[in-house]
Amino acid sequence: MTVLVPTMGALHKGHQALIKRARSLSKEVVVSIFINPLQFENIDDLEKYPRSPERDIQLATLAGATEVWMPDYEEIYPGEIKKLSAGSLGNLFEGHARPEHFDGVVTVVNRLFEIVKPAMAVFGEKDFQQLAIIKAMKSSVEIIGVPTVREFDGLALSSRNVRLTEQGRVSANVIHRALAAARLAPTIAIAQEVMDTTLSTEAGFKKDYATIIDEDTFEIATDDVRNKRGIIAGWIDGVRLIDNMKMGV
């Protein structure tokens, strides 16, 4: 049984957690590394995406990968690209901020599944909306989610973090602080206020969205919703960062 861990490279401990989870499920773990141009809304972001292939192979192997697969563009997209739709969920939040981003995600994930034919695939909860969209794909592949891995101060691990300046790295912690503070609030209204107030204390953070959703429907949560999740996206140093956390309210 093959378990696939799809990545775009620039691996870190978060990716290693995915690989270790995959290895706990099977002795055959394929880690794919492919920077998918279809999910980038601008060429500048694509060109700036960090690349470290030799280090990636080392980290993946140490975590338990039995194969590191680095396909080229033609292998993934031979001939005309048949772009898939992520559906209505793909137009919300991250999809609203990054039009057609999730269409690009489901298109490449579908191609990876077609080529590798895994029984299971492992994805991280940090990209919570992406995880939900992939779970909704019509596929025989079982999708496994793995909790977000964080730095010592709570910042969610991301390949984009390496692009932050020293001050930007300090500022980025406001995202985790906002989520952690909101999680303790007794009502949705207070949780939202706490999250917004905390984010406003960091001048270097440019908010895209910060809200609390029903994690099953991605609608704005109300107090009677059972499963609530805070989601935040914004910019620091020109780097887009996202994070999420299950709420306790």
C-alpha atoms as a PDB file:
ATOM      1  CA  MET A   1       0.000   0.000   0.000  1.00  0.00           C
ATOM      2  CA  THR A   2       1.405   3.364  -1.071  1.00  0.00           C
ATOM      3  CA  VAL A   3       0.866   6.575   0.912  1.00  0.00           C
ATOM      4  CA  LEU A   4       1.524   9.852  -0.876  1.00  0.00           C
ATOM      5  CA  VAL A   5       2.709  13.078   0.740  1.00  0.00           C
ATOM      6  CA  PRO A   6       2.352  15.853  -1.874  1.00  0.00           C
ATOM      7  CA  THR A   7       4.617  18.886  -1.326  1.00  0.00           C
ATOM      8  CA  MET A   8       6.049  21.840  -3.209  1.00  0.00           C
ATOM      9  CA  GLY A   9       9.446  21.362  -1.608  1.00  0.00           C
ATOM     10  CA  ALA A  10      11.282  23.683   0.808  1.00  0.00           C
ATOM     11  CA  LEU A  11      10.656  20.984   3.374  1.00  0.00           C
ATOM     12  CA  HIS A  12      10.674  21.623   7.120  1.00  0.00           C
ATOM     13  CA  LYS A  13       9.587  19.863  10.332  1.00  0.00           C
ATOM     14  CA  GLY A  14       5.952  20.298   9.386  1.00  0.00           C
ATOM     15  CA  HIS A  15       6.473  18.258   6.236  1.00  0.00           C
ATOM     16  CA  GLN A  16       8.460  15.715   8.214  1.00  0.00           C
ATOM     17  CA  ALA A  17       5.467  15.278  10.529  1.00  0.00           C
ATOM     18  CA  LEU A  18       3.346  14.436   7.484  1.00  0.00           C
ATOM     19  CA  ILE A  19       5.922  11.933   6.266  1.00  0.00           C
ATOM     20  CA  LYS A  20       6.203  10.305   9.686  1.00  0.00           C
ATOM     21  CA  ARG A  21       2.412   9.967   9.835  1.00  0.00           C
ATOM     22  CA  ALA A  22       2.456   8.402   6.380  1.00  0.00           C
ATOM     23  CA  ARG A  23       5.186   5.974   7.430  1.00  0.00           C
ATOM     24  CA  SER A  24       3.090   4.940  10.445  1.00  0.00           C
ATOM     25  CA  LEU A  25       0.414   3.889   7.955  1.00  0.00           C
ATOM     26  CA  SER A  26       2.579   2.085   5.400  1.00  0.00           C
ATOM     27  CA  LYS A  27       6.093   0.969   4.538  1.00  0.00           C
ATOM     28  CA  GLU A  28       5.739   2.599   1.114  1.00  0.00           C
ATOM     29  CA  VAL A  29       5.795   6.403   1.360  1.00  0.00           C
ATOM     30  CA  VAL A  30       6.145   8.557  -1.741  1.00  0.00           C
ATOM     31  CA  VAL A  31       6.943  12.240  -1.216  1.00  0.00           C
ATOM     32  CA  SER A  32       6.271  14.303  -4.317  1.00  0.00           C
ATOM     33  CA  ILE A  33       7.997  17.658  -4.839  1.00  0.00           C
ATOM     34  CA  PHE A  34       6.440  19.792  -7.539  1.00  0.00           C
ATOM     35  CA  ILE A  35       5.961  23.566  -7.512  1.00  0.00           C
ATOM     36  CA  ASN A  36       2.601  23.792  -9.219  1.00  0.00           C
ATOM     37  CA  PRO A  37       2.319  26.983 -11.299  1.00  0.00           C
ATOM     38  CA  LEU A  38      -1.469  26.663 -11.574  1.00  0.00           C
ATOM     39  CA  GLN A  39      -1.992  27.566  -7.922  1.00  0.00           C
ATOM     40  CA  PHE A  40       0.009  30.802  -8.003  1.00  0.00           C
ATOM     41  CA  GLU A  41      -1.982  33.904  -8.883  1.00  0.00           C
ATOM     42  CA  ASN A  42       1.088  35.947  -9.790  1.00  0.00           C
ATOM     43  CA  ILE A  43       4.415  35.078 -11.392  1.00  0.00           C
ATOM     44  CA  ASP A  44       6.423  36.985  -8.791  1.00  0.00           C
ATOM     45  CA  ASP A  45       5.193  34.756  -5.963  1.00  0.00           C
ATOM     46  CA  LEU A  46       5.963  31.667  -8.050  1.00  0.00           C
ATOM     47  CA  GLU A  47       9.503  32.820  -8.778  1.00  0.00           C
ATOM     48  CA  LYS A  48      10.156  33.685  -5.126  1.00  0.00           C
ATOM     49  CA  TYR A  49       8.941  30.341  -3.811  1.00  0.00           C
ATOM     50  CA  PRO A  50      11.935  28.800  -1.971  1.00  0.00           C
ATOM     51  CA  ARG A  51      13.716  25.838  -3.542  1.00  0.00           C
ATOM     52  CA  SER A  52      16.099  23.440  -1.768  1.00  0.00           C
ATOM     53  CA  PRO A  53      15.993  20.086  -3.594  1.00  0.00           C
ATOM     54  CA  GLU A  54      19.075  18.463  -2.050  1.00  0.00           C
ATOM     55  CA  ARG A  55      18.031  19.362   1.476  1.00  0.00           C
ATOM     56  CA  ASP A  56      14.471  18.242   0.692  1.00  0.00           C
ATOM     57  CA  ILE A  57      15.656  14.770  -0.257  1.00  0.00           C
ATOM     58  CA  GLN A  58      17.649  14.513   2.954  1.00  0.00           C
ATOM     59  CA  LEU A  59      14.797  15.673   5.208  1.00  0.00           C
ATOM     60  CA  ALA A  60      12.234  13.467   3.476  1.00  0.00           C
ATOM     61  CA  THR A  61      14.455  10.390   3.717  1.00  0.00           C
ATOM     62  CA  LEU A  62      15.238  11.014   7.375  1.00  0.00           C
ATOM     63  CA  ALA A  63      11.513  11.273   8.118  1.00  0.00           C
ATOM     64  CA  GLY A  64      10.788   7.914   6.479  1.00  0.00           C
ATOM     65  CA  ALA A  65      10.119   8.506   2.789  1.00  0.00           C
ATOM     66  CA  THR A  66      10.918   5.482   0.653  1.00  0.00           C
ATOM     67  CA  GLU A  67      10.766   7.500  -2.591  1.00  0.00           C
ATOM     68  CA  VAL A  68      11.207  11.205  -3.284  1.00  0.00           C
ATOM     69  CA  TRP A  69       9.630  11.981  -6.628  1.00  0.00           C
ATOM     70  CA  MET A  70      10.457  15.256  -8.395  1.00  0.00           C
ATOM     71  CA  PRO A  71       8.462  15.260 -11.633  1.00  0.00           C
ATOM     72  CA  ASP A  72       8.988  17.913 -14.278  1.00  0.00           C
ATOM     73  CA  TYR A  73       6.191  20.049 -15.698  1.00  0.00           C
ATOM     74  CA  GLU A  74       5.634  17.857 -18.769  1.00  0.00           C
ATOM     75  CA  GLU A  75       5.215  14.770 -16.622  1.00  0.00           C
ATOM     76  CA  ILE A  76       2.425  16.379 -14.625  1.00  0.00           C
ATOM     77  CA  TYR A  77       0.845  18.331 -17.468  1.00  0.00           C
ATOM     78  CA  PRO A  78       1.467  16.577 -20.796  1.00  0.00           C
ATOM     79  CA  GLY A  79      -0.344  18.358 -23.576  1.00  0.00           C
ATOM     80  CA  GLU A  80      -3.410  20.472 -22.901  1.00  0.00           C
ATOM     81  CA  ILE A  81      -4.209  21.077 -19.218  1.00  0.00           C
ATOM     82  CA  LYS A  82      -7.695  20.032 -18.149  1.00  0.00           C
ATOM     83  CA  LYS A  83      -8.191  22.322 -15.175  1.00  0.00           C
ATOM     84  CA  LEU A  84     -10.626  21.059 -12.553  1.00  0.00           C
ATOM     85  CA  SER A  85     -12.941  23.144 -10.385  1.00  0.00           C
ATOM     86  CA  ALA A  86     -12.713  23.303  -6.607  1.00  0.00           C
ATOM     87  CA  GLY A  87     -16.414  24.126  -6.427  1.00  0.00           C
ATOM     88  CA  SER A  88     -18.104  26.811  -4.347  1.00  0.00           C
ATOM     89  CA  LEU A  89     -15.804  26.287  -1.355  1.00  0.00           C
ATOM     90  CA  GLY A  90     -12.909  27.209  -3.607  1.00  0.00           C
ATOM     91  CA  ASN A  91     -14.283  30.748  -3.936  1.00  0.00           C
ATOM     92  CA  LEU A  92     -14.319  31.552  -0.214  1.00  0.00           C
ATOM     93  CA  PHE A  93     -11.591  33.074   1.984  1.00  0.00           C
ATOM     94  CA  GLU A  94      -8.307  31.921   0.428  1.00  0.00           C
ATOM     95  CA  GLY A  95     -10.116  31.312  -2.842  1.00  0.00           C
ATOM     96  CA  HIS A  96     -11.620  34.811  -2.813  1.00  0.00           C
ATOM     97  CA  ALA A  97      -8.213  36.366  -2.104  1.00  0.00           C
ATOM     98  CA  ARG A  98      -6.464  34.135  -4.642  1.00  0.00           C
ATOM     99  CA  PRO A  99      -8.830  33.505  -7.586  1.00  0.00           C
ATOM    100  CA  GLU A 100      -8.487  30.050  -9.187  1.00  0.00           C
ATOM    101  CA  HIS A 101      -5.884  29.034  -6.573  1.00  0.00           C
ATOM    102  CA  PHE A 102      -7.868  26.024  -5.419  1.00  0.00           C
ATOM    103  CA  ASP A 103      -8.734  25.027  -8.983  1.00  0.00           C
ATOM    104  CA  GLY A 104      -4.976  24.717  -9.465  1.00  0.00           C
ATOM    105  CA  VAL A 105      -4.675  22.699  -6.254  1.00  0.00           C
ATOM    106  CA  VAL A 106      -7.330  20.114  -7.125  1.00  0.00           C
ATOM    107  CA  THR A 107      -5.987  19.862 -10.677  1.00  0.00           C
ATOM    108  CA  VAL A 108      -2.472  18.973  -9.559  1.00  0.00           C
ATOM    109  CA  VAL A 109      -3.629  16.723  -6.716  1.00  0.00           C
ATOM    110  CA  ASN A 110      -5.813  14.813  -9.155  1.00  0.00           C
ATOM    111  CA  ARG A 111      -2.839  14.367 -11.491  1.00  0.00           C
ATOM    112  CA  LEU A 112      -0.614  13.183  -8.626  1.00  0.00           C
ATOM    113  CA  PHE A 113      -3.262  10.653  -7.639  1.00  0.00           C
ATOM    114  CA  GLU A 114      -3.581   9.444 -11.248  1.00  0.00           C
ATOM    115  CA  ILE A 115       0.159   8.894 -11.563  1.00  0.00           C
ATOM    116  CA  VAL A 116       1.066   7.508  -8.119  1.00  0.00           C
ATOM    117  CA  LYS A 117      -2.230   5.701  -7.454  1.00  0.00           C
ATOM    118  CA  PRO A 118      -1.864   5.848  -3.659  1.00  0.00           C
ATOM    119  CA  ALA A 119      -4.285   4.248  -1.237  1.00  0.00           C
ATOM    120  CA  MET A 120      -3.917   7.235   1.088  1.00  0.00           C
ATOM    121  CA  ALA A 121      -2.542  10.790   0.974  1.00  0.00           C
ATOM    122  CA  VAL A 122      -1.456  12.974   3.875  1.00  0.00           C
ATOM    123  CA  PHE A 123      -1.980  16.735   4.127  1.00  0.00           C
ATOM    124  CA  GLY A 124      -1.463  19.308   6.883  1.00  0.00           C
ATOM    125  CA  GLU A 125      -4.216  21.102   8.802  1.00  0.00           C
ATOM    126  CA  LYS A 126      -2.356  24.414   8.488  1.00  0.00           C
ATOM    127  CA  ASP A 127      -3.922  24.717   5.041  1.00  0.00           C
ATOM    128  CA  PHE A 128      -7.318  23.919   6.522  1.00  0.00           C
ATOM    129  CA  GLN A 129      -9.448  25.071   3.602  1.00  0.00           C
ATOM    130  CA  GLN A 130      -7.226  23.176   1.177  1.00  0.00           C
ATOM    131  CA  LEU A 131      -7.618  20.040   3.295  1.00  0.00           C
ATOM    132  CA  ALA A 132     -11.412  20.391   3.238  1.00  0.00           C
ATOM    133  CA  ILE A 133     -11.466  20.883  -0.533  1.00  0.00           C
ATOM    134  CA  ILE A 134      -9.244  17.852  -1.155  1.00  0.00           C
ATOM    135  CA  LYS A 135     -11.416  15.721   1.122  1.00  0.00           C
ATOM    136  CA  ALA A 136     -14.394  16.765  -0.997  1.00  0.00           C
ATOM    137  CA  MET A 137     -12.765  15.602  -4.241  1.00  0.00           C
ATOM    138  CA  LYS A 138     -14.335  12.609  -5.931  1.00  0.00           C
ATOM    139  CA  SER A 139     -11.495  10.194  -5.343  1.00  0.00           C
ATOM    140  CA  SER A 140     -10.925   6.713  -3.961  1.00  0.00           C
ATOM    141  CA  VAL A 141      -7.832   7.992  -2.110  1.00  0.00           C
ATOM    142  CA  GLU A 142      -8.286   8.247   1.647  1.00  0.00           C
ATOM    143  CA  ILE A 143      -7.233  11.690   2.902  1.00  0.00           C
ATOM    144  CA  ILE A 144      -5.441  11.965   6.246  1.00  0.00           C
ATOM    145  CA  GLY A 145      -5.056  15.314   8.025  1.00  0.00           C
ATOM    146  CA  VAL A 146      -2.156  16.059  10.380  1.00  0.00           C
ATOM    147  CA  PRO A 147      -2.183  18.831  13.038  1.00  0.00           C
ATOM    148  CA  THR A 148      -0.165  21.998  12.425  1.00  0.00           C
ATOM    149  CA  VAL A 149       3.449  21.960  13.595  1.00  0.00           C
ATOM    150  CA  ARG A 150       4.569  25.194  15.253  1.00  0.00           C
ATOM    151  CA  GLU A 151       7.715  27.074  16.230  1.00  0.00           C
ATOM    152  CA  PHE A 152       8.596  27.613  19.906  1.00  0.00           C
ATOM    153  CA  ASP A 153       6.491  30.808  19.957  1.00  0.00           C
ATOM    154  CA  GLY A 154       3.512  29.292  18.174  1.00  0.00           C
ATOM    155  CA  LEU A 155       4.148  30.464  14.614  1.00  0.00           C
ATOM    156  CA  ALA A 156       2.897  27.843  12.181  1.00  0.00           C
ATOM    157  CA  LEU A 157       5.726  26.302  10.178  1.00  0.00           C
ATOM    158  CA  SER A 158       5.616  27.339   6.540  1.00  0.00           C
ATOM    159  CA  SER A 159       8.036  27.257   3.632  1.00  0.00           C
ATOM    160  CA  ARG A 160       7.336  30.978   3.212  1.00  0.00           C
ATOM    161  CA  ASN A 161       8.670  31.830   6.688  1.00  0.00           C
ATOM    162  CA  VAL A 162      12.233  31.891   5.366  1.00  0.00           C
ATOM    163  CA  ARG A 163      11.344  34.998   3.355  1.00  0.00           C
ATOM    164  CA  LEU A 164      10.532  37.014   6.497  1.00  0.00           C
ATOM    165  CA  THR A 165      12.994  39.591   7.779  1.00  0.00           C
ATOM    166  CA  GLU A 166      14.179  39.311  11.367  1.00  0.00           C
ATOM    167  CA  GLN A 167      11.607  41.896  12.462  1.00  0.00           C
ATOM    168  CA  GLY A 168       8.962  40.308  10.269  1.00  0.00           C
ATOM    169  CA  ARG A 169       9.543  36.973  11.953  1.00  0.00           C
ATOM    170  CA  VAL A 170       8.854  38.595  15.333  1.00  0.00           C
ATOM    171  CA  SER A 171       5.771  40.355  13.984  1.00  0.00           C
ATOM    172  CA  ALA A 172       4.384  37.149  12.496  1.00  0.00           C
ATOM    173  CA  ASN A 173       3.742  35.717  15.945  1.00  0.00           C
ATOM    174  CA  VAL A 174       0.747  38.045  16.265  1.00  0.00           C
ATOM    175  CA  ILE A 175      -1.262  35.555  14.185  1.00  0.00           C
ATOM    176  CA  HIS A 176      -0.841  32.763  16.715  1.00  0.00           C
ATOM    177  CA  ARG A 177      -1.396  35.138  19.634  1.00  0.00           C
ATOM    178  CA  ALA A 178      -4.667  36.313  18.108  1.00  0.00           C
ATOM    179  CA  LEU A 179      -5.932  32.768  17.578  1.00  0.00           C
ATOM    180  CA  ALA A 180      -4.839  31.562  21.009  1.00  0.00           C
ATOM    181  CA  ALA A 181      -6.502  34.520  22.732  1.00  0.00           C
ATOM    182  CA  ALA A 182      -9.731  34.123  20.758  1.00  0.00           C
ATOM    183  CA  ARG A 183      -9.856  30.431  21.615  1.00  0.00           C
ATOM    184  CA  LEU A 184     -10.393  31.273  25.301  1.00  0.00           C
ATOM    185  CA  ALA A 185     -13.293  33.697  24.741  1.00  0.00           C
ATOM    186  CA  PRO A 186     -16.758  32.695  26.047  1.00  0.00           C
ATOM    187  CA  THR A 187     -18.737  33.785  22.943  1.00  0.00           C
ATOM    188  CA  ILE A 188     -18.196  34.212  19.206  1.00  0.00           C
ATOM    189  CA  ALA A 189     -18.628  37.983  19.415  1.00  0.00           C
ATOM    190  CA  ILE A 190     -15.975  38.315  22.103  1.00  0.00           C
ATOM    191  CA  ALA A 191     -13.665  35.887  20.323  1.00  0.00           C
ATOM    192  CA  GLN A 192     -13.919  37.957  17.127  1.00  0.00           C
ATOM    193  CA  GLU A 193     -13.248  41.184  19.017  1.00  0.00           C
ATOM    194  CA  VAL A 194     -10.237  39.685  20.798  1.00  0.00           C
ATOM    195  CA  MET A 195      -8.819  38.370  17.524  1.00  0.00           C
ATOM    196  CA  ASP A 196      -9.245  41.715  15.740  1.00  0.00           C
ATOM    197  CA  THR A 197      -7.841  43.713  18.653  1.00  0.00           C
ATOM    198  CA  THR A 198      -4.786  41.482  18.982  1.00  0.00           C
ATOM    199  CA  LEU A 199      -4.011  41.697  15.265  1.00  0.00           C
ATOM    200  CA  SER A 200      -4.346  45.499  15.342  1.00  0.00           C
ATOM    201  CA  THR A 201      -1.489  45.735  17.860  1.00  0.00           C
ATOM    202  CA  GLU A 202       1.009  44.714  15.168  1.00  0.00           C
ATOM    203  CA  ALA A 203       1.577  47.527  12.691  1.00  0.00           C
ATOM    204  CA  GLY A 204       3.580  45.263  10.391  1.00  0.00           C
ATOM    205  CA  PHE A 205       0.643  42.913   9.794  1.00  0.00           C
ATOM    206  CA  LYS A 206      -1.737  43.684   6.935  1.00  0.00           C
ATOM    207  CA  LYS A 207      -4.915  41.677   7.495  1.00  0.00           C
ATOM    208  CA  ASP A 208      -6.687  39.964   4.640  1.00  0.00           C
ATOM    209  CA  TYR A 209      -9.280  38.164   6.718  1.00  0.00           C
ATOM    210  CA  ALA A 210      -9.714  37.035  10.317  1.00  0.00           C
ATOM    211  CA  THR A 211     -12.920  35.310  11.266  1.00  0.00           C
ATOM    212  CA  ILE A 212     -14.467  32.326  13.003  1.00  0.00           C
ATOM    213  CA  ILE A 213     -16.160  29.726  10.861  1.00  0.00           C
ATOM    214  CA  ASP A 214     -18.203  26.579  11.137  1.00  0.00           C
ATOM    215  CA  GLU A 215     -15.406  24.211  10.170  1.00  0.00           C
ATOM    216  CA  ASP A 216     -17.845  21.788   8.543  1.00  0.00           C
ATOM    217  CA  THR A 217     -19.515  24.322   6.203  1.00  0.00           C
ATOM    218  CA  PHE A 218     -17.077  27.285   6.194  1.00  0.00           C
ATOM    219  CA  GLU A 219     -20.008  29.600   6.957  1.00  0.00           C
ATOM    220  CA  ILE A 220     -19.507  32.319   9.585  1.00  0.00           C
ATOM    221  CA  ALA A 221     -19.952  30.588  12.941  1.00  0.00           C
ATOM    222  CA  THR A 222     -22.644  31.332  15.496  1.00  0.00           C
ATOM    223  CA  ASP A 223     -22.552  30.378  19.148  1.00  0.00           C
ATOM    224  CA  ASP A 224     -24.701  27.280  18.575  1.00  0.00           C
ATOM    225  CA  VAL A 225     -22.277  25.816  16.007  1.00  0.00           C
ATOM    226  CA  ARG A 226     -20.516  22.771  17.420  1.00  0.00           C
ATOM    227  CA  ASN A 227     -17.192  22.854  15.553  1.00  0.00           C
ATOM    228  CA  LYS A 228     -15.755  26.362  15.308  1.00  0.00           C
ATOM    229  CA  ARG A 229     -12.388  27.374  13.887  1.00  0.00           C
ATOM    230  CA  GLY A 230     -10.606  30.696  13.745  1.00  0.00           C
ATOM    231  CA  ILE A 231      -8.920  31.403  10.418  1.00  0.00           C
ATOM    232  CA  ILE A 232      -6.494  34.236   9.658  1.00  0.00           C
ATOM    233  CA  ALA A 233      -4.631  35.373   6.570  1.00  0.00           C
ATOM    234  CA  GLY A 234      -2.505  38.429   5.969  1.00  0.00           C
ATOM    235  CA  TRP A 235       0.777  39.915   4.862  1.00  0.00           C
ATOM    236  CA  ILE A 236       4.072  40.633   6.592  1.00  0.00           C
ATOM    237  CA  ASP A 237       7.139  41.802   4.644  1.00  0.00           C
ATOM    238  CA  GLY A 238       5.206  41.100   1.442  1.00  0.00           C
ATOM    239  CA  VAL A 239       4.848  37.444   2.479  1.00  0.00           C
ATOM    240  CA  ARG A 240       1.371  35.938   2.731  1.00  0.00           C
ATOM    241  CA  LEU A 241       0.827  33.903   5.899  1.00  0.00           C
ATOM    242  CA  ILE A 242      -2.154  31.830   6.987  1.00  0.00           C
ATOM    243  CA  ASP A 243      -3.080  29.951  10.134  1.00  0.00           C
ATOM    244  CA  ASN A 244      -6.079  28.468  11.898  1.00  0.00           C
ATOM    245  CA  MET A 245      -7.060  27.042  15.260  1.00  0.00           C
ATOM    246  CA  LYS A 246     -10.009  25.169  16.702  1.00  0.00           C
ATOM    247  CA  MET A 247     -11.987  27.463  18.985  1.00  0.00           C
ATOM    248  CA  GLY A 248     -13.082  26.565  22.492  1.00  0.00           C
ATOM    249  CA  VAL A 249     -16.264  28.692  22.526  1.00  0.00           C
END
